[in-house]
Amino acid sequence: MTNPPPALWRRACAEALGTCLLVAVVVGSGIAAQKLSPNDVGLQLLQNSTATVLGLTVLILVFGPISGSHFNPAVSLADWILGKRTGGGLSLKELGTYIASQTAGAIAGSVLANAMFEVGTSFSSKDRATPGHLLAEAVATAGLVLLIFSLAATERSSLAAPAVGAYIGAAYWFTSSTSFANPAVTVGRIFSDTFAGIAPGSAPGFVLAQLVGVAVGLGLLVVLFPTVARAAEDVVVPHTVDKHQ
């Protein structure tokens, strides 16, 4: 029998810390890649994407039993929308708490990565908002939402950690934007003027494209998995706690 999820404050801490560490992995490995391979952008991307795949997989496993390891307002928003159909998933209060925690954690992650590599924290100057980048973000986010909730709908949430890690790793390479697919991570990466950064002027377009991706992903889910709304409680990893806690 599945126990009730942990208290909201604990889930908020897990989302903030998990998102912080995720952005620290993304930004930190980007800085390291620049230092290790200063003249080879392709190798930099390989190093950055490999670290992200491994880091994200581990973080989902660590924090999944506490908060569901969303680390992403797009996932939380999709969970809330689907849950409204069945009375499950995140409540509006939980949604707001998750998004605030994820965004604060993402900013902290950039600051942490900058500090570890002794790089000053400043706004990124890396412009990314071309039409191709925005289309890529919509595609990447739609695919992510489809993946996560299809696993839940077919009772395969135990595969979420490796599957999401693998998808993001692949999307680094098949999208022109390198697959941010995450509004909180997008905001966090504004605060590092490094390989993984994004200029403040590019961020709003990315977030809007990601929201479009959420809508597309939800539409595909409803068509392909008509009972997906019932899985809103089980995203990304089942909300279970030890009986002694």
Protein backbone atom coordinates (compact mmCIF):
# COMPACT_ATOMS: atom_id res chain seq x y z
CA MET A 1 0.00 0.00 0.00
CA THR A 2 1.33 3.44 -0.94
CA ASN A 3 1.83 5.78 1.99
CA PRO A 4 0.90 9.49 1.81
CA PRO A 5 3.60 11.75 0.36
CA PRO A 6 5.96 13.52 2.77
CA ALA A 7 5.06 16.93 4.17
CA LEU A 8 5.08 19.73 1.61
CA TRP A 9 8.02 21.50 3.25
CA ARG A 10 10.12 18.36 2.87
CA ARG A 11 9.13 18.00 -0.77
CA ALA A 12 9.93 21.67 -1.34
CA CYS A 13 13.39 21.17 0.16
CA ALA A 14 13.94 18.14 -2.08
CA GLU A 15 12.87 20.07 -5.18
CA ALA A 16 15.06 23.05 -4.30
CA LEU A 17 18.12 20.93 -3.50
CA GLY A 18 17.62 18.59 -6.44
CA THR A 19 17.22 21.46 -8.92
CA CYS A 20 20.20 23.25 -7.36
CA LEU A 21 22.40 20.20 -7.85
CA LEU A 22 21.07 19.61 -11.36
CA VAL A 23 22.00 23.14 -12.45
CA ALA A 24 25.33 22.85 -10.66
CA VAL A 25 26.01 19.72 -12.73
CA VAL A 26 24.96 21.41 -15.99
CA VAL A 27 26.81 24.68 -15.41
CA GLY A 28 29.79 23.17 -13.60
CA SER A 29 30.43 20.55 -16.27
CA GLY A 30 30.08 23.27 -18.89
CA ILE A 31 32.77 25.34 -17.19
CA ALA A 32 35.00 22.29 -16.83
CA ALA A 33 34.50 21.43 -20.50
CA GLN A 34 35.58 24.92 -21.52
CA LYS A 35 38.74 24.57 -19.45
CA LEU A 36 39.55 21.04 -20.60
CA SER A 37 38.77 21.47 -24.30
CA PRO A 38 39.00 25.19 -25.05
CA ASN A 39 39.28 24.76 -28.82
CA ASP A 40 36.72 22.00 -29.45
CA VAL A 41 33.07 22.93 -29.01
CA GLY A 42 31.89 19.48 -30.01
CA LEU A 43 33.98 17.86 -27.29
CA GLN A 44 32.74 20.46 -24.81
CA LEU A 45 29.17 19.50 -25.59
CA LEU A 46 29.98 15.80 -25.23
CA GLN A 47 31.53 16.38 -21.80
CA ASN A 48 28.65 18.62 -20.71
CA SER A 49 25.93 16.23 -21.90
CA THR A 50 27.60 13.15 -20.39
CA ALA A 51 27.83 14.74 -16.95
CA THR A 52 24.22 15.91 -17.19
CA VAL A 53 22.93 12.44 -18.10
CA LEU A 54 24.72 10.83 -15.18
CA GLY A 55 23.91 13.59 -12.70
CA LEU A 56 20.23 13.79 -13.59
CA THR A 57 19.81 10.02 -13.35
CA VAL A 58 21.33 9.95 -9.86
CA LEU A 59 19.33 12.95 -8.64
CA ILE A 60 16.03 11.40 -9.75
CA LEU A 61 16.89 8.26 -7.83
CA VAL A 62 17.85 10.20 -4.70
CA PHE A 63 14.95 12.61 -4.49
CA GLY A 64 12.20 10.70 -6.27
CA PRO A 65 10.79 9.03 -3.15
CA ILE A 66 10.46 12.42 -1.46
CA SER A 67 9.10 14.84 -4.05
CA GLY A 68 8.79 12.88 -7.28
CA SER A 69 11.98 14.49 -8.61
CA HIS A 70 10.24 17.00 -10.85
CA PHE A 71 13.07 19.60 -10.78
CA ASN A 72 11.09 21.27 -13.56
CA PRO A 73 8.06 23.60 -13.55
CA ALA A 74 7.00 22.12 -16.90
CA VAL A 75 6.63 18.67 -15.30
CA SER A 76 4.91 20.08 -12.21
CA LEU A 77 2.50 22.10 -14.36
CA ALA A 78 1.65 19.06 -16.47
CA ASP A 79 1.09 17.04 -13.29
CA TRP A 80 -1.29 19.68 -11.93
CA ILE A 81 -3.25 19.92 -15.18
CA LEU A 82 -3.64 16.17 -15.49
CA GLY A 83 -4.50 15.81 -11.81
CA LYS A 84 -7.35 18.28 -12.11
CA ARG A 85 -9.19 15.72 -14.23
CA THR A 86 -9.15 13.09 -11.47
CA GLY A 87 -8.64 15.05 -8.26
CA GLY A 88 -5.08 13.74 -7.93
CA GLY A 89 -1.61 15.09 -8.64
CA LEU A 90 -0.36 18.39 -7.27
CA SER A 91 -2.76 20.90 -5.77
CA LEU A 92 -2.49 24.57 -6.79
CA LYS A 93 -0.68 25.33 -3.52
CA GLU A 94 1.75 22.47 -4.12
CA LEU A 95 2.30 23.60 -7.70
CA GLY A 96 3.22 27.11 -6.58
CA THR A 97 5.54 25.74 -3.89
CA TYR A 98 7.25 23.38 -6.31
CA ILE A 99 7.82 26.08 -8.93
CA ALA A 100 9.17 28.56 -6.39
CA SER A 101 11.49 25.92 -4.91
CA GLN A 102 12.71 24.79 -8.31
CA THR A 103 13.44 28.33 -9.48
CA ALA A 104 15.27 29.32 -6.30
CA GLY A 105 17.24 26.08 -6.43
CA ALA A 106 18.19 26.63 -10.07
CA ILE A 107 19.59 30.09 -9.37
CA ALA A 108 21.49 28.75 -6.37
CA GLY A 109 22.90 25.98 -8.57
CA SER A 110 24.45 28.47 -10.99
CA VAL A 111 25.93 30.49 -8.14
CA LEU A 112 27.33 27.28 -6.60
CA ALA A 113 28.91 26.13 -9.86
CA ASN A 114 30.43 29.56 -10.44
CA ALA A 115 31.89 29.54 -6.93
CA MET A 116 33.38 26.04 -7.29
CA PHE A 117 35.26 27.10 -10.42
CA GLU A 118 36.01 30.58 -9.07
CA VAL A 119 34.03 32.23 -11.83
CA GLY A 120 32.18 35.43 -11.01
CA THR A 121 28.39 35.27 -11.00
CA SER A 122 27.04 37.56 -13.71
CA PHE A 123 24.34 37.57 -16.36
CA SER A 124 25.11 35.43 -19.37
CA SER A 125 25.77 37.11 -22.70
CA LYS A 126 24.97 33.98 -24.72
CA ASP A 127 22.05 34.75 -27.04
CA ARG A 128 20.03 31.68 -27.98
CA ALA A 129 16.51 32.81 -28.97
CA THR A 130 16.49 32.10 -32.70
CA PRO A 131 13.40 30.56 -34.32
CA GLY A 132 15.21 27.24 -34.51
CA HIS A 133 16.11 27.33 -30.82
CA LEU A 134 12.53 28.10 -29.82
CA LEU A 135 11.15 25.28 -31.96
CA ALA A 136 13.75 22.96 -30.44
CA GLU A 137 12.66 23.90 -26.92
CA ALA A 138 9.01 23.18 -27.72
CA VAL A 139 9.96 19.80 -29.21
CA ALA A 140 12.30 18.89 -26.34
CA THR A 141 9.76 19.80 -23.66
CA ALA A 142 6.90 18.00 -25.40
CA GLY A 143 9.03 14.88 -25.65
CA LEU A 144 10.02 15.07 -22.00
CA VAL A 145 6.42 15.43 -20.82
CA LEU A 146 5.33 12.59 -23.09
CA LEU A 147 8.11 10.34 -21.78
CA ILE A 148 7.56 10.96 -18.07
CA PHE A 149 3.80 10.61 -18.04
CA SER A 150 3.68 7.70 -20.47
CA LEU A 151 5.95 5.77 -18.12
CA ALA A 152 3.63 6.58 -15.22
CA ALA A 153 0.51 5.71 -17.22
CA THR A 154 1.94 2.29 -18.11
CA GLU A 155 3.22 1.59 -14.58
CA ARG A 156 6.89 1.84 -15.55
CA SER A 157 7.88 4.78 -13.33
CA SER A 158 10.78 2.73 -11.99
CA LEU A 159 12.45 3.37 -15.35
CA ALA A 160 12.11 7.13 -15.08
CA ALA A 161 15.65 7.83 -13.84
CA PRO A 162 17.56 6.15 -16.68
CA ALA A 163 14.91 7.00 -19.28
CA VAL A 164 14.80 10.73 -18.49
CA GLY A 165 18.59 10.86 -18.26
CA ALA A 166 18.91 9.14 -21.62
CA TYR A 167 16.32 11.39 -23.25
CA ILE A 168 17.96 14.61 -22.06
CA GLY A 169 21.35 13.28 -23.16
CA ALA A 170 20.02 12.55 -26.62
CA ALA A 171 18.18 15.86 -26.81
CA TYR A 172 21.43 17.73 -26.13
CA TRP A 173 22.43 16.55 -29.59
CA PHE A 174 19.26 16.37 -31.66
CA THR A 175 18.00 19.86 -30.71
CA SER A 176 19.67 23.11 -31.72
CA SER A 177 19.00 24.57 -28.25
CA THR A 178 20.76 21.66 -26.44
CA SER A 179 17.44 20.90 -24.73
CA PHE A 180 16.92 23.10 -21.70
CA ALA A 181 13.28 21.85 -21.60
CA ASN A 182 12.91 23.39 -18.14
CA PRO A 183 11.80 26.92 -17.19
CA ALA A 184 13.57 26.87 -13.81
CA VAL A 185 16.85 25.67 -15.32
CA THR A 186 16.48 28.33 -18.00
CA VAL A 187 16.22 31.05 -15.34
CA GLY A 188 19.08 29.57 -13.34
CA ARG A 189 21.41 29.48 -16.33
CA ILE A 190 20.97 33.22 -16.82
CA PHE A 191 23.31 33.67 -13.86
CA SER A 192 26.43 32.12 -15.39
CA ASP A 193 28.24 33.77 -18.28
CA THR A 194 29.79 30.47 -19.34
CA PHE A 195 29.34 27.65 -21.85
CA ALA A 196 25.95 26.62 -20.40
CA GLY A 197 24.55 30.13 -19.88
CA ILE A 198 21.68 31.91 -21.60
CA ALA A 199 21.27 35.65 -22.02
CA PRO A 200 18.41 37.24 -20.04
CA GLY A 201 16.83 38.44 -23.27
CA SER A 202 16.66 34.88 -24.61
CA ALA A 203 15.07 33.34 -21.52
CA PRO A 204 11.46 34.57 -21.93
CA GLY A 205 11.26 33.08 -25.41
CA PHE A 206 12.65 29.79 -24.14
CA VAL A 207 10.12 29.64 -21.29
CA LEU A 208 7.24 30.43 -23.64
CA ALA A 209 8.39 27.73 -26.06
CA GLN A 210 8.64 25.27 -23.17
CA LEU A 211 5.05 26.05 -22.14
CA VAL A 212 3.97 25.39 -25.71
CA GLY A 213 5.82 22.10 -25.43
CA VAL A 214 3.86 21.24 -22.28
CA ALA A 215 0.60 21.80 -24.15
CA VAL A 216 1.74 19.68 -27.09
CA GLY A 217 2.99 16.93 -24.81
CA LEU A 218 -0.29 16.83 -22.88
CA GLY A 219 -2.25 16.69 -26.12
CA LEU A 220 -0.21 13.73 -27.31
CA LEU A 221 -0.65 11.99 -23.97
CA VAL A 222 -4.43 12.31 -24.04
CA VAL A 223 -4.52 10.87 -27.56
CA LEU A 224 -2.07 8.02 -26.94
CA PHE A 225 -2.84 7.21 -23.29
CA PRO A 226 -6.47 8.18 -22.52
CA THR A 227 -6.16 7.11 -18.86
CA VAL A 228 -2.97 9.08 -18.22
CA ALA A 229 -4.70 11.47 -15.78
CA ARG A 230 -4.91 8.63 -13.27
CA ALA A 231 -1.11 8.53 -13.14
CA ALA A 232 -0.71 12.12 -11.92
CA GLU A 233 -0.01 10.86 -8.38
CA ASP A 234 2.84 8.70 -9.62
CA VAL A 235 5.18 11.17 -11.35
CA VAL A 236 8.13 10.85 -11.65
CA VAL A 237 8.78 8.17 -9.03
CA PRO A 238 6.04 6.82 -6.72
CA HIS A 239 5.51 9.02 -3.65
CA THR A 240 6.35 6.50 -0.96
CA VAL A 241 7.96 6.86 2.45
CA ASP A 242 9.35 4.36 4.88
CA LYS A 243 6.73 3.24 7.41
CA HIS A 244 9.04 4.15 10.30
CA GLN A 245 9.36 7.82 9.25
